[in-house]
Structures are given as C-alpha cells and as structure tokens.
Amino acid sequence: MPADSAVGRSRWCTSSAADRLLCQLTADATRVPVIAGPVEASAVGNVVTQARRAGAIPDDVAAARALIGH
C-alpha cells in the first residue's frame, strides 16, 4: 500500500480468518497487517440481529455489544 493510504490494517471476522496462509499472503500482498478472528463473528452478529428484531433484547447497539461481551 502507498505510504499515504488510509488503510492501516485489515480485520477479518469470517471463516477465512482461520486460514493463516491466506491471511499472511494477503498481508504480504497489501503490506497491511491482517488481524484475524473471531471466526464465528458473522454467526454471532446474525443471532444478535435476529434477537433484536424479535424483541428478545433491546433494539440498542450498546445492549447488543454488552450481550456478546464486546
């Protein structure tokens, strides 16, 4: 990446984050650190979104983050 690039790192929260070689190759090619994990973040986000929609938890971002410990 050029020195004036606004991207300082790449965060992966998908199943691809479990592939260390893919993360390293991406970091090498882009010259940007890849921060991997958690792998299950997409599933957790989906569950929280469904719970908010169903009214099981408050429709509030802070409440959702507290539920998942973020």
N, C-alpha and C. Protein backbone atom coordinates (compact mmCIF):
# COMPACT_ATOMS: atom_id res chain seq x y z
N MET A 1 0.85 -1.17 0.00
CA MET A 1 0.00 0.00 0.00
C MET A 1 0.89 1.24 0.00
N PRO A 2 0.45 2.26 -0.67
CA PRO A 2 1.21 3.51 -0.65
C PRO A 2 1.28 4.09 0.76
N ALA A 3 2.31 4.83 1.03
CA ALA A 3 2.51 5.42 2.36
C ALA A 3 1.37 6.34 2.75
N ASP A 4 0.68 6.96 1.78
CA ASP A 4 -0.40 7.89 2.09
C ASP A 4 -1.76 7.20 2.17
N SER A 5 -1.78 5.89 2.15
CA SER A 5 -3.03 5.14 2.22
C SER A 5 -3.69 5.31 3.58
N ALA A 6 -5.02 5.36 3.58
CA ALA A 6 -5.78 5.50 4.83
C ALA A 6 -5.97 4.16 5.53
N VAL A 7 -5.66 3.06 4.85
CA VAL A 7 -5.87 1.73 5.43
C VAL A 7 -4.62 1.34 6.22
N GLY A 8 -4.80 1.13 7.53
CA GLY A 8 -3.67 0.76 8.36
C GLY A 8 -3.65 -0.70 8.74
N ARG A 9 -4.80 -1.36 8.59
CA ARG A 9 -4.89 -2.78 8.90
C ARG A 9 -6.17 -3.34 8.30
N SER A 10 -6.23 -4.64 8.19
CA SER A 10 -7.40 -5.32 7.67
C SER A 10 -7.89 -6.31 8.73
N ARG A 11 -9.14 -6.19 9.14
CA ARG A 11 -9.68 -7.08 10.16
C ARG A 11 -10.63 -8.08 9.49
N TRP A 12 -10.36 -9.36 9.72
CA TRP A 12 -11.18 -10.43 9.13
C TRP A 12 -11.93 -11.15 10.23
N CYS A 13 -13.22 -11.21 10.12
CA CYS A 13 -14.07 -11.93 11.08
C CYS A 13 -14.95 -12.91 10.33
N THR A 14 -14.34 -13.77 9.57
CA THR A 14 -15.04 -14.76 8.76
C THR A 14 -14.30 -16.08 8.88
N SER A 15 -14.84 -17.09 8.23
CA SER A 15 -14.16 -18.39 8.26
C SER A 15 -12.80 -18.31 7.58
N SER A 16 -12.60 -17.36 6.68
CA SER A 16 -11.30 -17.18 6.03
C SER A 16 -10.22 -16.79 7.02
N ALA A 17 -10.61 -16.22 8.14
CA ALA A 17 -9.63 -15.80 9.15
C ALA A 17 -8.89 -17.00 9.74
N ALA A 18 -9.46 -18.18 9.63
CA ALA A 18 -8.82 -19.38 10.16
C ALA A 18 -7.68 -19.86 9.26
N ASP A 19 -7.63 -19.36 8.04
CA ASP A 19 -6.60 -19.77 7.09
C ASP A 19 -5.38 -18.86 7.24
N ARG A 20 -4.42 -19.32 8.02
CA ARG A 20 -3.23 -18.49 8.32
C ARG A 20 -2.45 -18.13 7.06
N LEU A 21 -2.35 -19.08 6.13
CA LEU A 21 -1.62 -18.81 4.90
C LEU A 21 -2.31 -17.71 4.09
N LEU A 22 -3.63 -17.77 3.97
CA LEU A 22 -4.36 -16.75 3.24
C LEU A 22 -4.18 -15.38 3.89
N CYS A 23 -4.26 -15.34 5.20
CA CYS A 23 -4.05 -14.07 5.91
C CYS A 23 -2.65 -13.53 5.66
N GLN A 24 -1.65 -14.39 5.72
CA GLN A 24 -0.26 -13.96 5.52
C GLN A 24 -0.03 -13.50 4.09
N LEU A 25 -0.55 -14.24 3.11
CA LEU A 25 -0.39 -13.84 1.72
C LEU A 25 -1.06 -12.49 1.45
N THR A 26 -2.23 -12.29 2.05
CA THR A 26 -2.93 -11.01 1.89
C THR A 26 -2.13 -9.88 2.52
N ALA A 27 -1.62 -10.11 3.72
CA ALA A 27 -0.80 -9.09 4.39
C ALA A 27 0.44 -8.77 3.57
N ASP A 28 1.08 -9.79 3.03
CA ASP A 28 2.28 -9.58 2.22
C ASP A 28 1.95 -8.79 0.95
N ALA A 29 0.85 -9.14 0.29
CA ALA A 29 0.49 -8.50 -0.98
C ALA A 29 0.05 -7.06 -0.79
N THR A 30 -0.61 -6.77 0.31
CA THR A 30 -1.14 -5.41 0.53
C THR A 30 -0.24 -4.55 1.40
N ARG A 31 0.73 -5.20 2.06
CA ARG A 31 1.60 -4.52 3.02
C ARG A 31 0.80 -3.87 4.15
N VAL A 32 -0.28 -4.53 4.52
CA VAL A 32 -1.15 -4.10 5.61
C VAL A 32 -1.34 -5.29 6.54
N PRO A 33 -1.17 -5.12 7.85
CA PRO A 33 -1.39 -6.24 8.77
C PRO A 33 -2.83 -6.76 8.70
N VAL A 34 -2.97 -8.06 8.72
CA VAL A 34 -4.28 -8.69 8.76
C VAL A 34 -4.52 -9.17 10.19
N ILE A 35 -5.59 -8.70 10.78
CA ILE A 35 -5.97 -9.11 12.13
C ILE A 35 -7.13 -10.09 11.97
N ALA A 36 -6.90 -11.33 12.35
CA ALA A 36 -7.86 -12.40 12.10
C ALA A 36 -8.66 -12.76 13.33
N GLY A 37 -9.96 -12.98 13.12
CA GLY A 37 -10.81 -13.51 14.16
C GLY A 37 -11.73 -12.49 14.78
N PRO A 38 -12.69 -12.91 15.51
CA PRO A 38 -13.04 -14.30 15.71
C PRO A 38 -13.74 -14.88 14.49
N VAL A 39 -13.52 -16.14 14.25
CA VAL A 39 -14.07 -16.80 13.07
C VAL A 39 -15.60 -16.80 13.10
N GLU A 40 -16.19 -16.94 14.26
CA GLU A 40 -17.65 -17.06 14.36
C GLU A 40 -18.36 -15.73 14.48
N ALA A 41 -17.69 -14.62 14.22
CA ALA A 41 -18.31 -13.30 14.38
C ALA A 41 -19.54 -13.11 13.51
N SER A 42 -19.53 -13.63 12.30
CA SER A 42 -20.69 -13.49 11.43
C SER A 42 -21.91 -14.17 12.02
N ALA A 43 -21.74 -15.35 12.55
CA ALA A 43 -22.85 -16.09 13.15
C ALA A 43 -23.37 -15.37 14.39
N VAL A 44 -22.47 -14.88 15.22
CA VAL A 44 -22.87 -14.16 16.44
C VAL A 44 -23.64 -12.90 16.07
N GLY A 45 -23.14 -12.18 15.09
CA GLY A 45 -23.83 -10.97 14.63
C GLY A 45 -25.21 -11.27 14.11
N ASN A 46 -25.36 -12.37 13.41
CA ASN A 46 -26.66 -12.77 12.90
C ASN A 46 -27.62 -13.08 14.04
N VAL A 47 -27.16 -13.82 15.03
CA VAL A 47 -28.02 -14.16 16.18
C VAL A 47 -28.45 -12.91 16.93
N VAL A 48 -27.53 -11.99 17.15
CA VAL A 48 -27.86 -10.75 17.87
C VAL A 48 -28.87 -9.93 17.06
N THR A 49 -28.66 -9.85 15.75
CA THR A 49 -29.60 -9.10 14.91
C THR A 49 -30.99 -9.72 14.96
N GLN A 50 -31.07 -11.04 14.91
CA GLN A 50 -32.38 -11.71 14.97
C GLN A 50 -33.04 -11.50 16.34
N ALA A 51 -32.24 -11.53 17.40
CA ALA A 51 -32.78 -11.33 18.75
C ALA A 51 -33.31 -9.91 18.91
N ARG A 52 -32.59 -8.94 18.37
CA ARG A 52 -33.06 -7.55 18.42
C ARG A 52 -34.36 -7.41 17.65
N ARG A 53 -34.42 -8.01 16.49
CA ARG A 53 -35.61 -7.92 15.63
C ARG A 53 -36.82 -8.57 16.29
N ALA A 54 -36.58 -9.67 17.00
CA ALA A 54 -37.67 -10.41 17.66
C ALA A 54 -38.08 -9.77 18.98
N GLY A 55 -37.33 -8.76 19.43
CA GLY A 55 -37.65 -8.11 20.69
C GLY A 55 -37.12 -8.83 21.91
N ALA A 56 -36.26 -9.83 21.70
CA ALA A 56 -35.70 -10.59 22.82
C ALA A 56 -34.65 -9.79 23.59
N ILE A 57 -34.02 -8.84 22.92
CA ILE A 57 -33.08 -7.92 23.56
C ILE A 57 -33.43 -6.51 23.08
N PRO A 58 -33.04 -5.50 23.82
CA PRO A 58 -33.35 -4.12 23.40
C PRO A 58 -32.77 -3.80 22.03
N ASP A 59 -33.48 -2.97 21.28
CA ASP A 59 -33.01 -2.55 19.96
C ASP A 59 -32.01 -1.42 20.15
N ASP A 60 -30.86 -1.78 20.69
CA ASP A 60 -29.86 -0.81 21.10
C ASP A 60 -28.48 -1.43 20.88
N VAL A 61 -27.63 -0.72 20.18
CA VAL A 61 -26.29 -1.25 19.87
C VAL A 61 -25.51 -1.54 21.13
N ALA A 62 -25.59 -0.66 22.12
CA ALA A 62 -24.86 -0.86 23.37
C ALA A 62 -25.31 -2.14 24.06
N ALA A 63 -26.61 -2.42 24.05
CA ALA A 63 -27.14 -3.64 24.66
C ALA A 63 -26.64 -4.88 23.92
N ALA A 64 -26.60 -4.80 22.60
CA ALA A 64 -26.12 -5.93 21.81
C ALA A 64 -24.65 -6.19 22.09
N ARG A 65 -23.86 -5.12 22.16
CA ARG A 65 -22.44 -5.30 22.46
C ARG A 65 -22.22 -5.87 23.85
N ALA A 66 -23.02 -5.44 24.82
CA ALA A 66 -22.91 -5.95 26.18
C ALA A 66 -23.24 -7.45 26.20
N LEU A 67 -24.21 -7.85 25.39
CA LEU A 67 -24.61 -9.25 25.36
C LEU A 67 -23.48 -10.15 24.87
N ILE A 68 -22.73 -9.69 23.88
CA ILE A 68 -21.65 -10.51 23.34
C ILE A 68 -20.31 -10.23 23.99
N GLY A 69 -20.29 -9.30 24.95
CA GLY A 69 -19.06 -9.02 25.67
C GLY A 69 -18.07 -8.21 24.88
N HIS A 70 -18.53 -7.35 24.03
CA HIS A 70 -17.64 -6.52 23.20
C HIS A 70 -17.50 -5.14 23.81
